[in-house]
């Protein structure tokens, strides 16, 4: 299976964006639409399968998280999303909501990238030099949300010269309608939009040769 950005000689990494309890776990999140969309589509299981395939290949798995300080320092409510996150106080260091969803617990060798401010994975983090050090040129973007975080991550990847690949069944949004609109109209401008099955098939030959 050929997926643009995952052909022979490419060096992929997997980005799992904001798959934290406060975002996608119904036991900790009040974002009912996002929680429902994640569960209905079986997104965490697909991401877990992609993570295992990347680990088997020796490719880097990155967990991008936003974790606020208990005193709120560094998180400026400069937009509605950041203001709501700070007001709810559920994604604060030391609280269960800030933890990564148990279906996606980091493994040894994974990289956890944390930030206290901003809406995208590269803001104020070491993510770019981590990817450069590993020789990565293509990043498989998964997680949440299709509304902002996923297209934002793709845009930042493009600005830095990386190729983005998005398995659309391994991401989710606040509603099916928003997700479908973004997948049809926005993400194809920024990334190779494909499926988890096609990404796994594209990674399999390299895995077989290892």
Protein backbone atom coordinates (compact mmCIF):
# COMPACT_ATOMS: atom_id res chain seq x y z
CA UNK A 1 0.00 0.00 0.00
CA UNK A 2 1.40 3.39 -1.04
CA UNK A 3 0.66 6.40 1.15
CA UNK A 4 2.27 9.70 0.16
CA UNK A 5 4.86 10.50 2.80
CA UNK A 6 5.31 6.88 3.91
CA UNK A 7 7.17 5.46 0.93
CA UNK A 8 10.59 3.78 0.91
CA UNK A 9 13.31 5.79 2.59
CA UNK A 10 10.95 7.95 4.61
CA UNK A 11 11.47 8.36 8.35
CA UNK A 12 8.06 8.53 10.08
CA UNK A 13 7.01 9.38 13.60
CA UNK A 14 3.59 9.14 15.24
CA UNK A 15 2.06 12.15 17.00
CA UNK A 16 -0.76 11.44 19.47
CA UNK A 17 -2.31 14.81 20.19
CA UNK A 18 -3.96 15.66 23.52
CA UNK A 19 -5.37 12.19 24.22
CA UNK A 20 -5.71 13.05 27.88
CA UNK A 21 -8.47 12.12 30.29
CA UNK A 22 -9.79 15.68 30.49
CA UNK A 23 -10.20 15.70 26.72
CA UNK A 24 -11.49 12.26 25.73
CA UNK A 25 -12.25 10.12 28.80
CA UNK A 26 -15.90 10.26 29.83
CA UNK A 27 -14.97 9.66 33.46
CA UNK A 28 -13.07 12.96 33.56
CA UNK A 29 -14.23 15.07 30.61
CA UNK A 30 -17.29 17.30 30.26
CA UNK A 31 -16.82 17.50 26.49
CA UNK A 32 -19.64 15.13 25.68
CA UNK A 33 -19.48 15.57 21.92
CA UNK A 34 -15.79 14.77 21.69
CA UNK A 35 -16.03 11.85 24.11
CA UNK A 36 -18.93 10.40 22.12
CA UNK A 37 -17.18 10.81 18.77
CA UNK A 38 -14.02 9.14 20.12
CA UNK A 39 -15.98 6.20 21.54
CA UNK A 40 -18.30 5.72 18.57
CA UNK A 41 -15.38 5.51 16.16
CA UNK A 42 -13.05 3.38 18.30
CA UNK A 43 -10.32 5.99 17.92
CA UNK A 44 -8.12 5.06 20.88
CA UNK A 45 -7.84 1.45 19.72
CA UNK A 46 -6.76 2.57 16.26
CA UNK A 47 -4.18 4.94 17.70
CA UNK A 48 -2.87 2.16 19.94
CA UNK A 49 -2.46 -0.11 16.89
CA UNK A 50 -0.56 2.61 15.05
CA UNK A 51 1.65 3.20 18.09
CA UNK A 52 2.53 -0.48 18.34
CA UNK A 53 3.35 -0.63 14.62
CA UNK A 54 5.61 2.40 14.91
CA UNK A 55 7.38 0.99 17.96
CA UNK A 56 7.95 -2.29 16.12
CA UNK A 57 9.45 -0.29 13.26
CA UNK A 58 11.68 1.69 15.62
CA UNK A 59 9.81 4.89 14.79
CA UNK A 60 9.29 7.54 17.44
CA UNK A 61 5.92 7.81 19.21
CA UNK A 62 5.17 11.27 20.61
CA UNK A 63 2.43 12.10 23.10
CA UNK A 64 1.67 15.82 22.87
CA UNK A 65 -0.10 17.13 25.97
CA UNK A 66 -1.17 20.38 27.56
CA UNK A 67 -0.75 20.32 31.34
CA UNK A 68 -1.45 23.47 33.29
CA UNK A 69 0.51 24.43 36.39
CA UNK A 70 -1.51 24.36 39.64
CA UNK A 71 -0.96 28.11 40.02
CA UNK A 72 -1.97 28.78 36.40
CA UNK A 73 1.27 30.58 35.61
CA UNK A 74 2.09 30.55 31.90
CA UNK A 75 -1.41 29.74 30.67
CA UNK A 76 -2.90 32.97 29.36
CA UNK A 77 -6.65 32.86 28.56
CA UNK A 78 -6.02 34.59 25.26
CA UNK A 79 -8.78 32.72 23.42
CA UNK A 80 -12.00 30.92 24.27
CA UNK A 81 -10.43 27.45 24.31
CA UNK A 82 -7.56 28.35 26.64
CA UNK A 83 -9.88 30.37 28.85
CA UNK A 84 -12.25 27.42 29.21
CA UNK A 85 -9.38 25.03 29.91
CA UNK A 86 -8.03 27.25 32.66
CA UNK A 87 -11.48 27.90 34.16
CA UNK A 88 -12.39 24.19 34.32
CA UNK A 89 -9.11 23.30 35.98
CA UNK A 90 -9.37 19.66 34.94
CA UNK A 91 -6.13 19.45 32.96
CA UNK A 92 -3.84 20.55 35.79
CA UNK A 93 -0.62 18.86 36.81
CA UNK A 94 -1.24 16.23 39.47
CA UNK A 95 -4.91 15.75 38.65
CA UNK A 96 -6.32 12.69 36.85
CA UNK A 97 -7.64 14.77 33.97
CA UNK A 98 -4.13 15.74 32.92
CA UNK A 99 -3.02 12.12 32.57
CA UNK A 100 -2.88 10.37 29.22
CA UNK A 101 -5.85 8.09 28.49
CA UNK A 102 -5.16 4.59 29.86
CA UNK A 103 -5.63 3.02 26.42
CA UNK A 104 -2.61 5.04 25.26
CA UNK A 105 -0.25 4.92 28.23
CA UNK A 106 3.27 5.84 27.05
CA UNK A 107 5.77 3.01 26.71
CA UNK A 108 9.52 3.09 27.26
CA UNK A 109 11.08 4.92 24.34
CA UNK A 110 8.04 7.12 23.71
CA UNK A 111 8.45 10.87 24.06
CA UNK A 112 5.98 12.93 26.11
CA UNK A 113 5.94 16.58 25.07
CA UNK A 114 4.22 18.92 27.54
CA UNK A 115 3.24 22.54 27.21
CA UNK A 116 1.38 24.95 29.48
CA UNK A 117 0.09 27.34 26.81
CA UNK A 118 -1.00 27.39 23.20
CA UNK A 119 -3.14 25.16 21.02
CA UNK A 120 -0.62 23.25 18.95
CA UNK A 121 2.15 20.75 19.73
CA UNK A 122 5.19 22.82 18.75
CA UNK A 123 4.34 25.91 20.80
CA UNK A 124 6.91 26.37 23.56
CA UNK A 125 8.12 22.75 23.39
CA UNK A 126 11.19 20.82 22.33
CA UNK A 127 9.25 18.80 19.76
CA UNK A 128 11.00 20.09 16.64
CA UNK A 129 14.56 19.30 17.80
CA UNK A 130 13.37 15.90 19.04
CA UNK A 131 12.04 15.09 15.56
CA UNK A 132 15.13 16.51 13.84
CA UNK A 133 17.46 14.47 16.05
CA UNK A 134 15.65 11.30 14.99
CA UNK A 135 15.83 12.23 11.30
CA UNK A 136 12.03 12.33 11.00
CA UNK A 137 10.57 13.72 7.79
CA UNK A 138 6.94 12.52 7.98
CA UNK A 139 4.63 12.76 10.98
CA UNK A 140 1.46 10.68 11.31
CA UNK A 141 -0.99 12.92 13.16
CA UNK A 142 -3.64 11.33 15.39
CA UNK A 143 -5.80 12.32 18.35
CA UNK A 144 -7.86 15.44 18.92
CA UNK A 145 -9.38 17.48 17.82
CA UNK A 146 -10.39 17.73 14.19
CA UNK A 147 -11.70 21.20 15.07
CA UNK A 148 -8.39 22.88 15.96
CA UNK A 149 -5.58 20.68 17.29
CA UNK A 150 -5.17 18.32 14.33
CA UNK A 151 -5.22 20.93 11.52
CA UNK A 152 -3.07 23.17 13.71
CA UNK A 153 -0.48 20.43 14.12
CA UNK A 154 -0.48 19.78 10.37
CA UNK A 155 0.01 23.47 9.62
CA UNK A 156 2.95 23.69 12.01
CA UNK A 157 4.51 20.58 10.50
CA UNK A 158 4.26 22.09 7.02
CA UNK A 159 5.80 25.35 8.19
CA UNK A 160 8.79 23.38 9.47
CA UNK A 161 9.27 21.31 6.34
CA UNK A 162 7.74 18.04 7.53
CA UNK A 163 5.10 16.02 5.68
CA UNK A 164 1.86 15.29 7.57
CA UNK A 165 -0.17 12.11 7.19
CA UNK A 166 -3.61 11.94 8.85
CA UNK A 167 -5.50 8.65 9.24
CA UNK A 168 -8.96 10.16 9.48
CA UNK A 169 -10.38 7.29 11.53
CA UNK A 170 -7.73 7.91 14.21
CA UNK A 171 -8.83 11.49 14.90
CA UNK A 172 -12.07 12.94 16.25
CA UNK A 173 -13.90 16.22 16.67
CA UNK A 174 -16.59 17.77 18.82
CA UNK A 175 -19.21 16.46 16.41
CA UNK A 176 -19.44 14.21 13.36
CA UNK A 177 -20.51 17.19 11.26
CA UNK A 178 -17.45 19.28 12.12
CA UNK A 179 -15.17 16.29 11.67
CA UNK A 180 -16.59 15.46 8.24
CA UNK A 181 -16.32 19.08 7.09
CA UNK A 182 -12.67 19.37 8.16
CA UNK A 183 -11.75 16.02 6.61
CA UNK A 184 -13.43 16.92 3.32
CA UNK A 185 -12.37 20.56 3.00
CA UNK A 186 -9.42 21.53 5.22
CA UNK A 187 -7.15 18.60 6.03
CA UNK A 188 -6.53 17.56 2.39
CA UNK A 189 -4.90 20.96 1.86
CA UNK A 190 -2.43 20.26 4.66
CA UNK A 191 -1.83 16.52 4.77
CA UNK A 192 -2.20 13.15 3.14
CA UNK A 193 -5.61 12.05 4.43
CA UNK A 194 -5.89 8.28 4.61
CA UNK A 195 -7.01 5.50 6.96
CA UNK A 196 -5.44 3.56 9.79
CA UNK A 197 -5.52 0.38 7.73
CA UNK A 198 -3.64 2.03 4.87
CA UNK A 199 -1.02 3.49 7.21
CA UNK A 200 -0.49 0.10 8.84
CA UNK A 201 -0.14 -1.48 5.42
CA UNK A 202 2.35 1.19 4.35
CA UNK A 203 4.44 0.58 7.49
CA UNK A 204 4.26 -3.21 7.27
CA UNK A 205 6.89 -3.79 4.53
CA UNK A 206 9.50 -1.84 6.46
CA UNK A 207 8.56 -3.77 9.61
CA UNK A 208 8.95 -7.09 7.75
CA UNK A 209 12.45 -6.13 6.61
CA UNK A 210 13.65 -5.21 10.10
